[in-house]
Amino acid sequence: GTVDIVSCVGSGTVIETTIRLDTNHE
């Protein structure tokens, strides 16, 4: 997966993690 972190002093933080799902359930 990927992680995006956005933060700035005095403005809080956003952490976004995205993970691909295995869609091949055979």
mmCIF file of all heavy atoms, coordinates in Angstrom:
data_MODEL
# 
_entry.id   MODEL 
# 
loop_
_atom_site.group_PDB 
_atom_site.id 
_atom_site.type_symbol 
_atom_site.label_atom_id 
_atom_site.label_alt_id 
_atom_site.label_comp_id 
_atom_site.label_asym_id 
_atom_site.label_entity_id 
_atom_site.label_seq_id 
_atom_site.pdbx_PDB_ins_code 
_atom_site.Cartn_x 
_atom_site.Cartn_y 
_atom_site.Cartn_z 
_atom_site.occupancy 
_atom_site.B_iso_or_equiv 
_atom_site.pdbx_formal_charge 
_atom_site.auth_seq_id 
_atom_site.auth_comp_id 
_atom_site.auth_asym_id 
_atom_site.auth_atom_id 
_atom_site.pdbx_PDB_model_num 
ATOM 1   N N   . GLY A 1 1  ? 0.805   -1.218  0.000   1.00 0.00 ? 1  GLY A N   1 
ATOM 2   C CA  . GLY A 1 1  ? 0.000   0.000   0.000   1.00 0.00 ? 1  GLY A CA  1 
ATOM 3   C C   . GLY A 1 1  ? 0.833   1.261   0.000   1.00 0.00 ? 1  GLY A C   1 
ATOM 4   O O   . GLY A 1 1  ? 2.056   1.229   -0.098  1.00 0.00 ? 1  GLY A O   1 
ATOM 5   N N   . THR A 1 2  ? 0.131   2.385   0.111   1.00 0.00 ? 2  THR A N   1 
ATOM 6   C CA  . THR A 1 2  ? 0.784   3.690   0.144   1.00 0.00 ? 2  THR A CA  1 
ATOM 7   C C   . THR A 1 2  ? 0.297   4.474   1.356   1.00 0.00 ? 2  THR A C   1 
ATOM 8   O O   . THR A 1 2  ? -0.810  4.257   1.845   1.00 0.00 ? 2  THR A O   1 
ATOM 9   C CB  . THR A 1 2  ? 0.469   4.509   -1.122  1.00 0.00 ? 2  THR A CB  1 
ATOM 10  O OG1 . THR A 1 2  ? -0.948  4.710   -1.214  1.00 0.00 ? 2  THR A OG1 1 
ATOM 11  C CG2 . THR A 1 2  ? 0.974   3.813   -2.372  1.00 0.00 ? 2  THR A CG2 1 
ATOM 12  N N   . VAL A 1 3  ? 1.145   5.375   1.814   1.00 0.00 ? 3  VAL A N   1 
ATOM 13  C CA  . VAL A 1 3  ? 0.796   6.275   2.915   1.00 0.00 ? 3  VAL A CA  1 
ATOM 14  C C   . VAL A 1 3  ? 1.083   7.702   2.465   1.00 0.00 ? 3  VAL A C   1 
ATOM 15  O O   . VAL A 1 3  ? 2.155   7.973   1.934   1.00 0.00 ? 3  VAL A O   1 
ATOM 16  C CB  . VAL A 1 3  ? 1.627   5.981   4.185   1.00 0.00 ? 3  VAL A CB  1 
ATOM 17  C CG1 . VAL A 1 3  ? 1.390   7.047   5.241   1.00 0.00 ? 3  VAL A CG1 1 
ATOM 18  C CG2 . VAL A 1 3  ? 1.322   4.630   4.743   1.00 0.00 ? 3  VAL A CG2 1 
ATOM 19  N N   . ASP A 1 4  ? 0.116   8.573   2.676   1.00 0.00 ? 4  ASP A N   1 
ATOM 20  C CA  . ASP A 1 4  ? 0.313   9.995   2.446   1.00 0.00 ? 4  ASP A CA  1 
ATOM 21  C C   . ASP A 1 4  ? 0.092   10.701  3.770   1.00 0.00 ? 4  ASP A C   1 
ATOM 22  O O   . ASP A 1 4  ? -0.939  10.491  4.425   1.00 0.00 ? 4  ASP A O   1 
ATOM 23  C CB  . ASP A 1 4  ? -0.682  10.525  1.404   1.00 0.00 ? 4  ASP A CB  1 
ATOM 24  C CG  . ASP A 1 4  ? -0.412  9.966   0.019   1.00 0.00 ? 4  ASP A CG  1 
ATOM 25  O OD1 . ASP A 1 4  ? 0.745   10.042  -0.424  1.00 0.00 ? 4  ASP A OD1 1 
ATOM 26  O OD2 . ASP A 1 4  ? -1.354  9.454   -0.594  1.00 0.00 ? 4  ASP A OD2 1 
ATOM 27  N N   . ILE A 1 5  ? 1.060   11.514  4.165   1.00 0.00 ? 5  ILE A N   1 
ATOM 28  C CA  . ILE A 1 5  ? 0.966   12.262  5.410   1.00 0.00 ? 5  ILE A CA  1 
ATOM 29  C C   . ILE A 1 5  ? 1.065   13.742  5.067   1.00 0.00 ? 5  ILE A C   1 
ATOM 30  O O   . ILE A 1 5  ? 2.000   14.163  4.392   1.00 0.00 ? 5  ILE A O   1 
ATOM 31  C CB  . ILE A 1 5  ? 2.083   11.861  6.392   1.00 0.00 ? 5  ILE A CB  1 
ATOM 32  C CG1 . ILE A 1 5  ? 1.996   10.362  6.694   1.00 0.00 ? 5  ILE A CG1 1 
ATOM 33  C CG2 . ILE A 1 5  ? 1.999   12.693  7.671   1.00 0.00 ? 5  ILE A CG2 1 
ATOM 34  C CD1 . ILE A 1 5  ? 3.177   9.814   7.479   1.00 0.00 ? 5  ILE A CD1 1 
ATOM 35  N N   . VAL A 1 6  ? 0.082   14.491  5.543   1.00 0.00 ? 6  VAL A N   1 
ATOM 36  C CA  . VAL A 1 6  ? 0.086   15.931  5.345   1.00 0.00 ? 6  VAL A CA  1 
ATOM 37  C C   . VAL A 1 6  ? -0.003  16.572  6.720   1.00 0.00 ? 6  VAL A C   1 
ATOM 38  O O   . VAL A 1 6  ? -0.942  16.306  7.478   1.00 0.00 ? 6  VAL A O   1 
ATOM 39  C CB  . VAL A 1 6  ? -1.106  16.385  4.465   1.00 0.00 ? 6  VAL A CB  1 
ATOM 40  C CG1 . VAL A 1 6  ? -1.115  17.902  4.324   1.00 0.00 ? 6  VAL A CG1 1 
ATOM 41  C CG2 . VAL A 1 6  ? -1.062  15.711  3.107   1.00 0.00 ? 6  VAL A CG2 1 
ATOM 42  N N   . SER A 1 7  ? 0.997   17.393  7.040   1.00 0.00 ? 7  SER A N   1 
ATOM 43  C CA  . SER A 1 7  ? 1.003   18.069  8.322   1.00 0.00 ? 7  SER A CA  1 
ATOM 44  C C   . SER A 1 7  ? 1.730   19.391  8.184   1.00 0.00 ? 7  SER A C   1 
ATOM 45  O O   . SER A 1 7  ? 2.635   19.539  7.366   1.00 0.00 ? 7  SER A O   1 
ATOM 46  C CB  . SER A 1 7  ? 1.703   17.207  9.378   1.00 0.00 ? 7  SER A CB  1 
ATOM 47  O OG  . SER A 1 7  ? 1.539   17.783  10.659  1.00 0.00 ? 7  SER A OG  1 
ATOM 48  N N   . CYS A 1 8  ? 1.303   20.321  9.006   1.00 0.00 ? 8  CYS A N   1 
ATOM 49  C CA  . CYS A 1 8  ? 1.932   21.633  9.035   1.00 0.00 ? 8  CYS A CA  1 
ATOM 50  C C   . CYS A 1 8  ? 1.856   22.120  10.483  1.00 0.00 ? 8  CYS A C   1 
ATOM 51  O O   . CYS A 1 8  ? 0.835   21.915  11.148  1.00 0.00 ? 8  CYS A O   1 
ATOM 52  C CB  . CYS A 1 8  ? 1.187   22.575  8.100   1.00 0.00 ? 8  CYS A CB  1 
ATOM 53  S SG  . CYS A 1 8  ? 1.944   24.198  7.955   1.00 0.00 ? 8  CYS A SG  1 
ATOM 54  N N   . VAL A 1 9  ? 2.910   22.713  10.947  1.00 0.00 ? 9  VAL A N   1 
ATOM 55  C CA  . VAL A 1 9  ? 2.934   23.185  12.323  1.00 0.00 ? 9  VAL A CA  1 
ATOM 56  C C   . VAL A 1 9  ? 1.730   24.098  12.566  1.00 0.00 ? 9  VAL A C   1 
ATOM 57  O O   . VAL A 1 9  ? 1.481   25.030  11.810  1.00 0.00 ? 9  VAL A O   1 
ATOM 58  C CB  . VAL A 1 9  ? 4.258   23.926  12.624  1.00 0.00 ? 9  VAL A CB  1 
ATOM 59  C CG1 . VAL A 1 9  ? 4.235   24.541  14.012  1.00 0.00 ? 9  VAL A CG1 1 
ATOM 60  C CG2 . VAL A 1 9  ? 5.435   22.980  12.480  1.00 0.00 ? 9  VAL A CG2 1 
ATOM 61  N N   . GLY A 1 10 ? 0.956   23.757  13.591  1.00 0.00 ? 10 GLY A N   1 
ATOM 62  C CA  . GLY A 1 10 ? -0.216  24.537  13.964  1.00 0.00 ? 10 GLY A CA  1 
ATOM 63  C C   . GLY A 1 10 ? -1.505  24.149  13.249  1.00 0.00 ? 10 GLY A C   1 
ATOM 64  O O   . GLY A 1 10 ? -2.550  24.718  13.531  1.00 0.00 ? 10 GLY A O   1 
ATOM 65  N N   . SER A 1 11 ? -1.443  23.179  12.338  1.00 0.00 ? 11 SER A N   1 
ATOM 66  C CA  . SER A 1 11 ? -2.638  22.868  11.536  1.00 0.00 ? 11 SER A CA  1 
ATOM 67  C C   . SER A 1 11 ? -3.093  21.422  11.598  1.00 0.00 ? 11 SER A C   1 
ATOM 68  O O   . SER A 1 11 ? -3.909  21.008  10.787  1.00 0.00 ? 11 SER A O   1 
ATOM 69  C CB  . SER A 1 11 ? -2.358  23.220  10.066  1.00 0.00 ? 11 SER A CB  1 
ATOM 70  O OG  . SER A 1 11 ? -2.136  24.586  9.928   1.00 0.00 ? 11 SER A OG  1 
ATOM 71  N N   . GLY A 1 12 ? -2.582  20.638  12.499  1.00 0.00 ? 12 GLY A N   1 
ATOM 72  C CA  . GLY A 1 12 ? -3.003  19.246  12.584  1.00 0.00 ? 12 GLY A CA  1 
ATOM 73  C C   . GLY A 1 12 ? -2.352  18.373  11.526  1.00 0.00 ? 12 GLY A C   1 
ATOM 74  O O   . GLY A 1 12 ? -1.469  18.816  10.783  1.00 0.00 ? 12 GLY A O   1 
ATOM 75  N N   . THR A 1 13 ? -2.814  17.130  11.459  1.00 0.00 ? 13 THR A N   1 
ATOM 76  C CA  . THR A 1 13 ? -2.197  16.133  10.578  1.00 0.00 ? 13 THR A CA  1 
ATOM 77  C C   . THR A 1 13 ? -3.274  15.246  9.977   1.00 0.00 ? 13 THR A C   1 
ATOM 78  O O   . THR A 1 13 ? -4.256  14.919  10.639  1.00 0.00 ? 13 THR A O   1 
ATOM 79  C CB  . THR A 1 13 ? -1.208  15.260  11.385  1.00 0.00 ? 13 THR A CB  1 
ATOM 80  O OG1 . THR A 1 13 ? -0.220  16.126  11.972  1.00 0.00 ? 13 THR A OG1 1 
ATOM 81  C CG2 . THR A 1 13 ? -0.523  14.225  10.511  1.00 0.00 ? 13 THR A CG2 1 
ATOM 82  N N   . VAL A 1 14 ? -3.050  14.848  8.722   1.00 0.00 ? 14 VAL A N   1 
ATOM 83  C CA  . VAL A 1 14 ? -3.897  13.875  8.055   1.00 0.00 ? 14 VAL A CA  1 
ATOM 84  C C   . VAL A 1 14 ? -2.997  12.747  7.565   1.00 0.00 ? 14 VAL A C   1 
ATOM 85  O O   . VAL A 1 14 ? -2.005  12.989  6.882   1.00 0.00 ? 14 VAL A O   1 
ATOM 86  C CB  . VAL A 1 14 ? -4.653  14.481  6.853   1.00 0.00 ? 14 VAL A CB  1 
ATOM 87  C CG1 . VAL A 1 14 ? -5.475  13.408  6.148   1.00 0.00 ? 14 VAL A CG1 1 
ATOM 88  C CG2 . VAL A 1 14 ? -5.535  15.634  7.291   1.00 0.00 ? 14 VAL A CG2 1 
ATOM 89  N N   . ILE A 1 15 ? -3.334  11.520  7.945   1.00 0.00 ? 15 ILE A N   1 
ATOM 90  C CA  . ILE A 1 15 ? -2.618  10.335  7.481   1.00 0.00 ? 15 ILE A CA  1 
ATOM 91  C C   . ILE A 1 15 ? -3.601  9.509   6.673   1.00 0.00 ? 15 ILE A C   1 
ATOM 92  O O   . ILE A 1 15 ? -4.664  9.135   7.175   1.00 0.00 ? 15 ILE A O   1 
ATOM 93  C CB  . ILE A 1 15 ? -2.068  9.506   8.657   1.00 0.00 ? 15 ILE A CB  1 
ATOM 94  C CG1 . ILE A 1 15 ? -1.092  10.342  9.473   1.00 0.00 ? 15 ILE A CG1 1 
ATOM 95  C CG2 . ILE A 1 15 ? -1.415  8.215   8.146   1.00 0.00 ? 15 ILE A CG2 1 
ATOM 96  C CD1 . ILE A 1 15 ? -0.635  9.674   10.746  1.00 0.00 ? 15 ILE A CD1 1 
ATOM 97  N N   . GLU A 1 16 ? -3.244  9.242   5.427   1.00 0.00 ? 16 GLU A N   1 
ATOM 98  C CA  . GLU A 1 16 ? -4.114  8.459   4.545   1.00 0.00 ? 16 GLU A CA  1 
ATOM 99  C C   . GLU A 1 16 ? -3.347  7.242   4.046   1.00 0.00 ? 16 GLU A C   1 
ATOM 100 O O   . GLU A 1 16 ? -2.317  7.358   3.399   1.00 0.00 ? 16 GLU A O   1 
ATOM 101 C CB  . GLU A 1 16 ? -4.570  9.299   3.365   1.00 0.00 ? 16 GLU A CB  1 
ATOM 102 C CG  . GLU A 1 16 ? -5.548  8.596   2.472   1.00 0.00 ? 16 GLU A CG  1 
ATOM 103 C CD  . GLU A 1 16 ? -6.104  9.495   1.392   1.00 0.00 ? 16 GLU A CD  1 
ATOM 104 O OE1 . GLU A 1 16 ? -6.488  10.642  1.706   1.00 0.00 ? 16 GLU A OE1 1 
ATOM 105 O OE2 . GLU A 1 16 ? -6.153  9.042   0.235   1.00 0.00 ? 16 GLU A OE2 1 
ATOM 106 N N   . THR A 1 17 ? -3.860  6.073   4.378   1.00 0.00 ? 17 THR A N   1 
ATOM 107 C CA  . THR A 1 17 ? -3.265  4.800   3.975   1.00 0.00 ? 17 THR A CA  1 
ATOM 108 C C   . THR A 1 17 ? -4.211  4.119   2.991   1.00 0.00 ? 17 THR A C   1 
ATOM 109 O O   . THR A 1 17 ? -5.397  3.991   3.272   1.00 0.00 ? 17 THR A O   1 
ATOM 110 C CB  . THR A 1 17 ? -3.072  3.881   5.197   1.00 0.00 ? 17 THR A CB  1 
ATOM 111 O OG1 . THR A 1 17 ? -2.255  4.556   6.150   1.00 0.00 ? 17 THR A OG1 1 
ATOM 112 C CG2 . THR A 1 17 ? -2.419  2.574   4.808   1.00 0.00 ? 17 THR A CG2 1 
ATOM 113 N N   . THR A 1 18 ? -3.678  3.705   1.855   1.00 0.00 ? 18 THR A N   1 
ATOM 114 C CA  . THR A 1 18 ? -4.484  3.008   0.857   1.00 0.00 ? 18 THR A CA  1 
ATOM 115 C C   . THR A 1 18 ? -3.845  1.663   0.559   1.00 0.00 ? 18 THR A C   1 
ATOM 116 O O   . THR A 1 18 ? -2.644  1.581   0.297   1.00 0.00 ? 18 THR A O   1 
ATOM 117 C CB  . THR A 1 18 ? -4.598  3.826   -0.446  1.00 0.00 ? 18 THR A CB  1 
ATOM 118 O OG1 . THR A 1 18 ? -5.139  5.112   -0.127  1.00 0.00 ? 18 THR A OG1 1 
ATOM 119 C CG2 . THR A 1 18 ? -5.499  3.130   -1.461  1.00 0.00 ? 18 THR A CG2 1 
ATOM 120 N N   . ILE A 1 19 ? -4.653  0.612   0.621   1.00 0.00 ? 19 ILE A N   1 
ATOM 121 C CA  . ILE A 1 19 ? -4.174  -0.749  0.371   1.00 0.00 ? 19 ILE A CA  1 
ATOM 122 C C   . ILE A 1 19 ? -5.082  -1.401  -0.656  1.00 0.00 ? 19 ILE A C   1 
ATOM 123 O O   . ILE A 1 19 ? -6.307  -1.384  -0.512  1.00 0.00 ? 19 ILE A O   1 
ATOM 124 C CB  . ILE A 1 19 ? -4.156  -1.569  1.679   1.00 0.00 ? 19 ILE A CB  1 
ATOM 125 C CG1 . ILE A 1 19 ? -3.196  -0.917  2.667   1.00 0.00 ? 19 ILE A CG1 1 
ATOM 126 C CG2 . ILE A 1 19 ? -3.767  -3.023  1.399   1.00 0.00 ? 19 ILE A CG2 1 
ATOM 127 C CD1 . ILE A 1 19 ? -3.243  -1.485  4.043   1.00 0.00 ? 19 ILE A CD1 1 
ATOM 128 N N   . ARG A 1 20 ? -4.470  -1.962  -1.677  1.00 0.00 ? 20 ARG A N   1 
ATOM 129 C CA  . ARG A 1 20 ? -5.234  -2.671  -2.707  1.00 0.00 ? 20 ARG A CA  1 
ATOM 130 C C   . ARG A 1 20 ? -5.718  -3.997  -2.133  1.00 0.00 ? 20 ARG A C   1 
ATOM 131 O O   . ARG A 1 20 ? -5.011  -4.664  -1.397  1.00 0.00 ? 20 ARG A O   1 
ATOM 132 C CB  . ARG A 1 20 ? -4.384  -2.913  -3.946  1.00 0.00 ? 20 ARG A CB  1 
ATOM 133 C CG  . ARG A 1 20 ? -4.025  -1.602  -4.655  1.00 0.00 ? 20 ARG A CG  1 
ATOM 134 C CD  . ARG A 1 20 ? -3.400  -1.802  -6.003  1.00 0.00 ? 20 ARG A CD  1 
ATOM 135 N NE  . ARG A 1 20 ? -4.244  -2.443  -7.001  1.00 0.00 ? 20 ARG A NE  1 
ATOM 136 C CZ  . ARG A 1 20 ? -5.295  -1.884  -7.615  1.00 0.00 ? 20 ARG A CZ  1 
ATOM 137 N NH1 . ARG A 1 20 ? -5.654  -0.673  -7.290  1.00 0.00 ? 20 ARG A NH1 1 
ATOM 138 N NH2 . ARG A 1 20 ? -5.968  -2.541  -8.533  1.00 0.00 ? 20 ARG A NH2 1 
ATOM 139 N N   . LEU A 1 21 ? -6.928  -4.351  -2.491  1.00 0.00 ? 21 LEU A N   1 
ATOM 140 C CA  . LEU A 1 21 ? -7.504  -5.613  -2.048  1.00 0.00 ? 21 LEU A CA  1 
ATOM 141 C C   . LEU A 1 21 ? -7.286  -6.690  -3.108  1.00 0.00 ? 21 LEU A C   1 
ATOM 142 O O   . LEU A 1 21 ? -7.317  -6.390  -4.303  1.00 0.00 ? 21 LEU A O   1 
ATOM 143 C CB  . LEU A 1 21 ? -9.007  -5.461  -1.794  1.00 0.00 ? 21 LEU A CB  1 
ATOM 144 C CG  . LEU A 1 21 ? -9.391  -4.477  -0.696  1.00 0.00 ? 21 LEU A CG  1 
ATOM 145 C CD1 . LEU A 1 21 ? -10.891 -4.303  -0.666  1.00 0.00 ? 21 LEU A CD1 1 
ATOM 146 C CD2 . LEU A 1 21 ? -8.877  -4.952  0.647   1.00 0.00 ? 21 LEU A CD2 1 
ATOM 147 N N   . ASP A 1 22 ? -7.110  -7.911  -2.664  1.00 0.00 ? 22 ASP A N   1 
ATOM 148 C CA  . ASP A 1 22 ? -6.994  -9.040  -3.579  1.00 0.00 ? 22 ASP A CA  1 
ATOM 149 C C   . ASP A 1 22 ? -8.401  -9.399  -4.040  1.00 0.00 ? 22 ASP A C   1 
ATOM 150 O O   . ASP A 1 22 ? -9.209  -9.894  -3.261  1.00 0.00 ? 22 ASP A O   1 
ATOM 151 C CB  . ASP A 1 22 ? -6.340  -10.228 -2.887  1.00 0.00 ? 22 ASP A CB  1 
ATOM 152 C CG  . ASP A 1 22 ? -6.201  -11.443 -3.783  1.00 0.00 ? 22 ASP A CG  1 
ATOM 153 O OD1 . ASP A 1 22 ? -6.414  -11.313 -5.012  1.00 0.00 ? 22 ASP A OD1 1 
ATOM 154 O OD2 . ASP A 1 22 ? -5.882  -12.522 -3.260  1.00 0.00 ? 22 ASP A OD2 1 
ATOM 155 N N   . THR A 1 23 ? -8.692  -9.149  -5.311  1.00 0.00 ? 23 THR A N   1 
ATOM 156 C CA  . THR A 1 23 ? -10.027 -9.406  -5.826  1.00 0.00 ? 23 THR A CA  1 
ATOM 157 C C   . THR A 1 23 ? -10.102 -10.742 -6.552  1.00 0.00 ? 23 THR A C   1 
ATOM 158 O O   . THR A 1 23 ? -11.134 -11.106 -7.106  1.00 0.00 ? 23 THR A O   1 
ATOM 159 C CB  . THR A 1 23 ? -10.468 -8.292  -6.800  1.00 0.00 ? 23 THR A CB  1 
ATOM 160 O OG1 . THR A 1 23 ? -9.488  -8.171  -7.845  1.00 0.00 ? 23 THR A OG1 1 
ATOM 161 C CG2 . THR A 1 23 ? -10.599 -6.967  -6.076  1.00 0.00 ? 23 THR A CG2 1 
ATOM 162 N N   . ASN A 1 24 ? -9.029  -11.529 -6.518  1.00 0.00 ? 24 ASN A N   1 
ATOM 163 C CA  . ASN A 1 24 ? -9.007  -12.835 -7.172  1.00 0.00 ? 24 ASN A CA  1 
ATOM 164 C C   . ASN A 1 24 ? -9.269  -13.934 -6.155  1.00 0.00 ? 24 ASN A C   1 
ATOM 165 O O   . ASN A 1 24 ? -8.373  -14.652 -5.736  1.00 0.00 ? 24 ASN A O   1 
ATOM 166 C CB  . ASN A 1 24 ? -7.653  -13.081 -7.865  1.00 0.00 ? 24 ASN A CB  1 
ATOM 167 C CG  . ASN A 1 24 ? -7.399  -12.078 -8.961  1.00 0.00 ? 24 ASN A CG  1 
ATOM 168 O OD1 . ASN A 1 24 ? -8.316  -11.725 -9.684  1.00 0.00 ? 24 ASN A OD1 1 
ATOM 169 N ND2 . ASN A 1 24 ? -6.166  -11.622 -9.084  1.00 0.00 ? 24 ASN A ND2 1 
ATOM 170 N N   . HIS A 1 25 ? -10.493 -14.090 -5.741  1.00 0.00 ? 25 HIS A N   1 
ATOM 171 C CA  . HIS A 1 25 ? -10.864 -15.124 -4.755  1.00 0.00 ? 25 HIS A CA  1 
ATOM 172 C C   . HIS A 1 25 ? -11.421 -16.336 -5.493  1.00 0.00 ? 25 HIS A C   1 
ATOM 173 O O   . HIS A 1 25 ? -12.596 -16.556 -5.539  1.00 0.00 ? 25 HIS A O   1 
ATOM 174 C CB  . HIS A 1 25 ? -11.910 -14.585 -3.779  1.00 0.00 ? 25 HIS A CB  1 
ATOM 175 C CG  . HIS A 1 25 ? -11.435 -13.433 -2.984  1.00 0.00 ? 25 HIS A CG  1 
ATOM 176 N ND1 . HIS A 1 25 ? -10.521 -13.553 -1.984  1.00 0.00 ? 25 HIS A ND1 1 
ATOM 177 C CD2 . HIS A 1 25 ? -11.736 -12.116 -3.067  1.00 0.00 ? 25 HIS A CD2 1 
ATOM 178 C CE1 . HIS A 1 25 ? -10.289 -12.358 -1.462  1.00 0.00 ? 25 HIS A CE1 1 
ATOM 179 N NE2 . HIS A 1 25 ? -11.014 -11.471 -2.104  1.00 0.00 ? 25 HIS A NE2 1 
ATOM 180 N N   . GLU A 1 26 ? -10.546 -17.117 -6.059  1.00 0.00 ? 26 GLU A N   1 
ATOM 181 C CA  . GLU A 1 26 ? -10.996 -18.291 -6.831  1.00 0.00 ? 26 GLU A CA  1 
ATOM 182 C C   . GLU A 1 26 ? -10.949 -19.534 -5.991  1.00 0.00 ? 26 GLU A C   1 
ATOM 183 O O   . GLU A 1 26 ? -10.234 -19.736 -5.117  1.00 0.00 ? 26 GLU A O   1 
ATOM 184 C CB  . GLU A 1 26 ? -10.111 -18.465 -8.057  1.00 0.00 ? 26 GLU A CB  1 
ATOM 185 C CG  . GLU A 1 26 ? -10.266 -17.270 -9.003  1.00 0.00 ? 26 GLU A CG  1 
ATOM 186 C CD  . GLU A 1 26 ? -9.374  -17.424 -10.222 1.00 0.00 ? 26 GLU A CD  1 
ATOM 187 O OE1 . GLU A 1 26 ? -8.903  -18.552 -10.513 1.00 0.00 ? 26 GLU A OE1 1 
ATOM 188 O OE2 . GLU A 1 26 ? -9.159  -16.437 -10.879 1.00 0.00 ? 26 GLU A OE2 1 
# 
